[in-house]
Amino acid sequence: MKITLNGAARDLTGPTVQDALAEIGLGAAKVATALNGAFLPAAARPETTLKDGDALEVVAPMQGG
């Protein structure tokens, strides 16, 4: 399926947000996600299905000093 991932067009197999994260190498990472502009809790990722045209934002926390 074709989605927008962090502003860039991507073709992913999905079908869930958790599957998509695994496909891009972030399956076990501590990240924040938003689907179509709405925050998506980590617990909801395995059962949230993606569809063509969805916009997924993935943000990793940063440390600094």
PDB file of N, CA and C in Angstrom:
ATOM      1  N   MET A   1       0.834  -1.170   0.000  1.00  0.00           N
ATOM      2  CA  MET A   1       0.000   0.000   0.000  1.00  0.00           C
ATOM      3  C   MET A   1       0.877   1.230   0.000  1.00  0.00           C
ATOM      4  N   LYS A   2       0.368   2.315  -0.517  1.00  0.00           N
ATOM      5  CA  LYS A   2       1.112   3.569  -0.583  1.00  0.00           C
ATOM      6  C   LYS A   2       0.630   4.489   0.542  1.00  0.00           C
ATOM      7  N   ILE A   3       1.585   4.878   1.400  1.00  0.00           N
ATOM      8  CA  ILE A   3       1.292   5.808   2.477  1.00  0.00           C
ATOM      9  C   ILE A   3       2.332   6.915   2.458  1.00  0.00           C
ATOM     10  N   THR A   4       2.104   7.917   3.268  1.00  0.00           N
ATOM     11  CA  THR A   4       3.105   8.957   3.475  1.00  0.00           C
ATOM     12  C   THR A   4       3.717   8.715   4.843  1.00  0.00           C
ATOM     13  N   LEU A   5       5.027   8.514   4.877  1.00  0.00           N
ATOM     14  CA  LEU A   5       5.744   8.250   6.113  1.00  0.00           C
ATOM     15  C   LEU A   5       6.688   9.407   6.374  1.00  0.00           C
ATOM     16  N   ASN A   6       6.420  10.149   7.433  1.00  0.00           N
ATOM     17  CA  ASN A   6       7.233  11.325   7.779  1.00  0.00           C
ATOM     18  C   ASN A   6       7.402  12.263   6.581  1.00  0.00           C
ATOM     19  N   GLY A   7       6.325  12.458   5.844  1.00  0.00           N
ATOM     20  CA  GLY A   7       6.322  13.401   4.740  1.00  0.00           C
ATOM     21  C   GLY A   7       6.798  12.864   3.409  1.00  0.00           C
ATOM     22  N   ALA A   8       7.232  11.607   3.358  1.00  0.00           N
ATOM     23  CA  ALA A   8       7.734  11.017   2.112  1.00  0.00           C
ATOM     24  C   ALA A   8       6.850   9.846   1.691  1.00  0.00           C
ATOM     25  N   ALA A   9       6.592   9.743   0.410  1.00  0.00           N
ATOM     26  CA  ALA A   9       5.784   8.636  -0.107  1.00  0.00           C
ATOM     27  C   ALA A   9       6.546   7.325   0.064  1.00  0.00           C
ATOM     28  N   ARG A  10       5.857   6.310   0.571  1.00  0.00           N
ATOM     29  CA  ARG A  10       6.453   4.986   0.773  1.00  0.00           C
ATOM     30  C   ARG A  10       5.463   3.923   0.348  1.00  0.00           C
ATOM     31  N   ASP A  11       5.967   2.816  -0.111  1.00  0.00           N
ATOM     32  CA  ASP A  11       5.140   1.663  -0.450  1.00  0.00           C
ATOM     33  C   ASP A  11       5.475   0.572   0.557  1.00  0.00           C
ATOM     34  N   LEU A  12       4.538   0.292   1.472  1.00  0.00           N
ATOM     35  CA  LEU A  12       4.759  -0.689   2.536  1.00  0.00           C
ATOM     36  C   LEU A  12       3.717  -1.794   2.439  1.00  0.00           C
ATOM     37  N   THR A  13       4.041  -2.950   3.003  1.00  0.00           N
ATOM     38  CA  THR A  13       3.097  -4.063   2.945  1.00  0.00           C
ATOM     39  C   THR A  13       2.100  -4.048   4.084  1.00  0.00           C
ATOM     40  N   GLY A  14       2.479  -3.464   5.257  1.00  0.00           N
ATOM     41  CA  GLY A  14       1.535  -3.416   6.381  1.00  0.00           C
ATOM     42  C   GLY A  14       1.172  -4.812   6.852  1.00  0.00           C
ATOM     43  N   PRO A  15      -0.048  -5.090   7.230  1.00  0.00           N
ATOM     44  CA  PRO A  15      -1.208  -4.206   7.132  1.00  0.00           C
ATOM     45  C   PRO A  15      -1.415  -3.301   8.339  1.00  0.00           C
ATOM     46  N   THR A  16      -0.717  -3.555   9.456  1.00  0.00           N
ATOM     47  CA  THR A  16      -0.944  -2.731  10.643  1.00  0.00           C
ATOM     48  C   THR A  16       0.199  -1.731  10.818  1.00  0.00           C
ATOM     49  N   VAL A  17      -0.031  -0.761  11.695  1.00  0.00           N
ATOM     50  CA  VAL A  17       1.012   0.206  12.003  1.00  0.00           C
ATOM     51  C   VAL A  17       2.229  -0.512  12.586  1.00  0.00           C
ATOM     52  N   GLN A  18       2.015  -1.491  13.459  1.00  0.00           N
ATOM     53  CA  GLN A  18       3.131  -2.235  14.041  1.00  0.00           C
ATOM     54  C   GLN A  18       3.916  -2.977  12.958  1.00  0.00           C
ATOM     55  N   ASP A  19       3.218  -3.563  11.988  1.00  0.00           N
ATOM     56  CA  ASP A  19       3.893  -4.238  10.876  1.00  0.00           C
ATOM     57  C   ASP A  19       4.726  -3.249  10.066  1.00  0.00           C
ATOM     58  N   ALA A  20       4.179  -2.061   9.827  1.00  0.00           N
ATOM     59  CA  ALA A  20       4.903  -1.041   9.068  1.00  0.00           C
ATOM     60  C   ALA A  20       6.156  -0.600   9.815  1.00  0.00           C
ATOM     61  N   LEU A  21       6.052  -0.426  11.129  1.00  0.00           N
ATOM     62  CA  LEU A  21       7.226  -0.051  11.916  1.00  0.00           C
ATOM     63  C   LEU A  21       8.302  -1.130  11.830  1.00  0.00           C
ATOM     64  N   ALA A  22       7.899  -2.383  11.901  1.00  0.00           N
ATOM     65  CA  ALA A  22       8.859  -3.475  11.779  1.00  0.00           C
ATOM     66  C   ALA A  22       9.508  -3.464  10.398  1.00  0.00           C
ATOM     67  N   GLU A  23       8.716  -3.181   9.382  1.00  0.00           N
ATOM     68  CA  GLU A  23       9.219  -3.172   8.001  1.00  0.00           C
ATOM     69  C   GLU A  23      10.285  -2.098   7.790  1.00  0.00           C
ATOM     70  N   ILE A  24      10.174  -0.969   8.503  1.00  0.00           N
ATOM     71  CA  ILE A  24      11.165   0.099   8.345  1.00  0.00           C
ATOM     72  C   ILE A  24      12.263   0.027   9.407  1.00  0.00           C
ATOM     73  N   GLY A  25      12.273  -1.058  10.181  1.00  0.00           N
ATOM     74  CA  GLY A  25      13.340  -1.282  11.149  1.00  0.00           C
ATOM     75  C   GLY A  25      13.120  -0.652  12.509  1.00  0.00           C
ATOM     76  N   LEU A  26      11.875  -0.251  12.816  1.00  0.00           N
ATOM     77  CA  LEU A  26      11.596   0.382  14.100  1.00  0.00           C
ATOM     78  C   LEU A  26      10.596  -0.406  14.942  1.00  0.00           C
ATOM     79  N   GLY A  27      10.480  -1.693  14.678  1.00  0.00           N
ATOM     80  CA  GLY A  27       9.489  -2.507  15.368  1.00  0.00           C
ATOM     81  C   GLY A  27       9.646  -2.536  16.878  1.00  0.00           C
ATOM     82  N   ALA A  28      10.872  -2.539  17.364  1.00  0.00           N
ATOM     83  CA  ALA A  28      11.108  -2.616  18.808  1.00  0.00           C
ATOM     84  C   ALA A  28      11.543  -1.279  19.399  1.00  0.00           C
ATOM     85  N   ALA A  29      11.635  -0.248  18.561  1.00  0.00           N
ATOM     86  CA  ALA A  29      12.116   1.060  19.016  1.00  0.00           C
ATOM     87  C   ALA A  29      11.060   1.784  19.841  1.00  0.00           C
ATOM     88  N   LYS A  30      11.525   2.625  20.745  1.00  0.00           N
ATOM     89  CA  LYS A  30      10.642   3.490  21.532  1.00  0.00           C
ATOM     90  C   LYS A  30      10.397   4.753  20.701  1.00  0.00           C
ATOM     91  N   VAL A  31       9.253   4.809  20.053  1.00  0.00           N
ATOM     92  CA  VAL A  31       8.920   5.940  19.200  1.00  0.00           C
ATOM     93  C   VAL A  31       7.495   6.406  19.494  1.00  0.00           C
ATOM     94  N   ALA A  32       7.207   7.621  19.105  1.00  0.00           N
ATOM     95  CA  ALA A  32       5.840   8.152  19.153  1.00  0.00           C
ATOM     96  C   ALA A  32       5.288   8.095  17.738  1.00  0.00           C
ATOM     97  N   THR A  33       4.003   7.808  17.619  1.00  0.00           N
ATOM     98  CA  THR A  33       3.388   7.720  16.300  1.00  0.00           C
ATOM     99  C   THR A  33       2.117   8.552  16.236  1.00  0.00           C
ATOM    100  N   ALA A  34       1.866   9.064  15.034  1.00  0.00           N
ATOM    101  CA  ALA A  34       0.610   9.762  14.742  1.00  0.00           C
ATOM    102  C   ALA A  34       0.110   9.242  13.402  1.00  0.00           C
ATOM    103  N   LEU A  35      -1.171   8.964  13.335  1.00  0.00           N
ATOM    104  CA  LEU A  35      -1.778   8.484  12.096  1.00  0.00           C
ATOM    105  C   LEU A  35      -2.803   9.517  11.649  1.00  0.00           C
ATOM    106  N   ASN A  36      -2.587  10.048  10.457  1.00  0.00           N
ATOM    107  CA  ASN A  36      -3.467  11.071   9.891  1.00  0.00           C
ATOM    108  C   ASN A  36      -3.674  12.245  10.853  1.00  0.00           C
ATOM    109  N   GLY A  37      -2.570  12.624  11.528  1.00  0.00           N
ATOM    110  CA  GLY A  37      -2.584  13.794  12.387  1.00  0.00           C
ATOM    111  C   GLY A  37      -3.024  13.558  13.814  1.00  0.00           C
ATOM    112  N   ALA A  38      -3.409  12.332  14.159  1.00  0.00           N
ATOM    113  CA  ALA A  38      -3.864  12.033  15.524  1.00  0.00           C
ATOM    114  C   ALA A  38      -2.867  11.105  16.208  1.00  0.00           C
ATOM    115  N   PHE A  39      -2.521  11.435  17.454  1.00  0.00           N
ATOM    116  CA  PHE A  39      -1.611  10.589  18.230  1.00  0.00           C
ATOM    117  C   PHE A  39      -2.132   9.157  18.276  1.00  0.00           C
ATOM    118  N   LEU A  40      -1.231   8.202  18.094  1.00  0.00           N
ATOM    119  CA  LEU A  40      -1.593   6.790  18.136  1.00  0.00           C
ATOM    120  C   LEU A  40      -0.772   6.112  19.234  1.00  0.00           C
ATOM    121  N   PRO A  41      -1.421   5.702  20.332  1.00  0.00           N
ATOM    122  CA  PRO A  41      -0.685   5.057  21.426  1.00  0.00           C
ATOM    123  C   PRO A  41      -0.032   3.748  20.979  1.00  0.00           C
ATOM    124  N   ALA A  42       1.075   3.411  21.602  1.00  0.00           N
ATOM    125  CA  ALA A  42       1.795   2.185  21.261  1.00  0.00           C
ATOM    126  C   ALA A  42       0.901   0.950  21.377  1.00  0.00           C
ATOM    127  N   ALA A  43       0.025   0.920  22.358  1.00  0.00           N
ATOM    128  CA  ALA A  43      -0.843  -0.242  22.561  1.00  0.00           C
ATOM    129  C   ALA A  43      -1.828  -0.438  21.415  1.00  0.00           C
ATOM    130  N   ALA A  44      -2.111   0.619  20.661  1.00  0.00           N
ATOM    131  CA  ALA A  44      -3.076   0.523  19.559  1.00  0.00           C
ATOM    132  C   ALA A  44      -2.427   0.147  18.230  1.00  0.00           C
ATOM    133  N   ARG A  45      -1.110   0.187  18.145  1.00  0.00           N
ATOM    134  CA  ARG A  45      -0.429  -0.075  16.867  1.00  0.00           C
ATOM    135  C   ARG A  45      -0.690  -1.459  16.294  1.00  0.00           C
ATOM    136  N   PRO A  46      -0.694  -2.533  17.099  1.00  0.00           N
ATOM    137  CA  PRO A  46      -0.893  -3.869  16.515  1.00  0.00           C
ATOM    138  C   PRO A  46      -2.269  -4.068  15.881  1.00  0.00           C
ATOM    139  N   GLU A  47      -3.289  -3.354  16.341  1.00  0.00           N
ATOM    140  CA  GLU A  47      -4.615  -3.563  15.779  1.00  0.00           C
ATOM    141  C   GLU A  47      -5.078  -2.427  14.860  1.00  0.00           C
ATOM    142  N   THR A  48      -4.236  -1.408  14.659  1.00  0.00           N
ATOM    143  CA  THR A  48      -4.600  -0.297  13.777  1.00  0.00           C
ATOM    144  C   THR A  48      -4.130  -0.599  12.363  1.00  0.00           C
ATOM    145  N   THR A  49      -5.091  -0.728  11.463  1.00  0.00           N
ATOM    146  CA  THR A  49      -4.806  -1.085  10.071  1.00  0.00           C
ATOM    147  C   THR A  49      -4.541   0.166   9.245  1.00  0.00           C
ATOM    148  N   LEU A  50      -3.524   0.098   8.417  1.00  0.00           N
ATOM    149  CA  LEU A  50      -3.222   1.174   7.477  1.00  0.00           C
ATOM    150  C   LEU A  50      -3.974   0.950   6.175  1.00  0.00           C
ATOM    151  N   LYS A  51      -4.245   2.043   5.468  1.00  0.00           N
ATOM    152  CA  LYS A  51      -4.845   1.930   4.139  1.00  0.00           C
ATOM    153  C   LYS A  51      -4.170   2.923   3.208  1.00  0.00           C
ATOM    154  N   ASP A  52      -4.322   2.704   1.910  1.00  0.00           N
ATOM    155  CA  ASP A  52      -3.730   3.608   0.923  1.00  0.00           C
ATOM    156  C   ASP A  52      -4.070   5.054   1.244  1.00  0.00           C
ATOM    157  N   GLY A  53      -3.058   5.907   1.163  1.00  0.00           N
ATOM    158  CA  GLY A  53      -3.260   7.334   1.378  1.00  0.00           C
ATOM    159  C   GLY A  53      -3.082   7.796   2.807  1.00  0.00           C
ATOM    160  N   ASP A  54      -2.938   6.880   3.768  1.00  0.00           N
ATOM    161  CA  ASP A  54      -2.734   7.275   5.160  1.00  0.00           C
ATOM    162  C   ASP A  54      -1.402   8.016   5.313  1.00  0.00           C
ATOM    163  N   ALA A  55      -1.344   8.865   6.326  1.00  0.00           N
ATOM    164  CA  ALA A  55      -0.114   9.582   6.671  1.00  0.00           C
ATOM    165  C   ALA A  55       0.323   9.134   8.053  1.00  0.00           C
ATOM    166  N   LEU A  56       1.497   8.546   8.131  1.00  0.00           N
ATOM    167  CA  LEU A  56       2.051   8.063   9.387  1.00  0.00           C
ATOM    168  C   LEU A  56       3.283   8.886   9.725  1.00  0.00           C
ATOM    169  N   GLU A  57       3.294   9.437  10.931  1.00  0.00           N
ATOM    170  CA  GLU A  57       4.458  10.166  11.442  1.00  0.00           C
ATOM    171  C   GLU A  57       5.075   9.350  12.560  1.00  0.00           C
ATOM    172  N   VAL A  58       6.383   9.187  12.510  1.00  0.00           N
ATOM    173  CA  VAL A  58       7.117   8.429  13.525  1.00  0.00           C
ATOM    174  C   VAL A  58       8.231   9.326  14.053  1.00  0.00           C
ATOM    175  N   VAL A  59       8.249   9.529  15.368  1.00  0.00           N
ATOM    176  CA  VAL A  59       9.234  10.422  15.981  1.00  0.00           C
ATOM    177  C   VAL A  59       9.941   9.669  17.101  1.00  0.00           C
ATOM    178  N   ALA A  60      11.258   9.673  17.060  1.00  0.00           N
ATOM    179  CA  ALA A  60      12.065   9.050  18.110  1.00  0.00           C
ATOM    180  C   ALA A  60      12.492  10.127  19.108  1.00  0.00           C
ATOM    181  N   PRO A  61      12.489   9.815  20.402  1.00  0.00           N
ATOM    182  CA  PRO A  61      12.947  10.790  21.398  1.00  0.00           C
ATOM    183  C   PRO A  61      14.445  11.054  21.217  1.00  0.00           C
ATOM    184  N   MET A  62      14.842  12.271  21.528  1.00  0.00           N
ATOM    185  CA  MET A  62      16.258  12.643  21.412  1.00  0.00           C
ATOM    186  C   MET A  62      16.783  13.020  22.789  1.00  0.00           C
ATOM    187  N   GLN A  63      18.055  12.706  23.001  1.00  0.00           N
ATOM    188  CA  GLN A  63      18.700  13.099  24.248  1.00  0.00           C
ATOM    189  C   GLN A  63      19.736  14.153  23.926  1.00  0.00           C
ATOM    190  N   GLY A  64      19.918  15.019  24.834  1.00  0.00           N
ATOM    191  CA  GLY A  64      20.917  16.063  24.618  1.00  0.00           C
ATOM    192  C   GLY A  64      21.458  16.550  25.937  1.00  0.00           C
ATOM    193  N   GLY A  65      22.384  17.423  25.834  1.00  0.00           N
ATOM    194  CA  GLY A  65      22.940  17.906  27.080  1.00  0.00           C
ATOM    195  C   GLY A  65      23.648  19.187  26.927  1.00  0.00           C
TER     196      GLY A  65
END
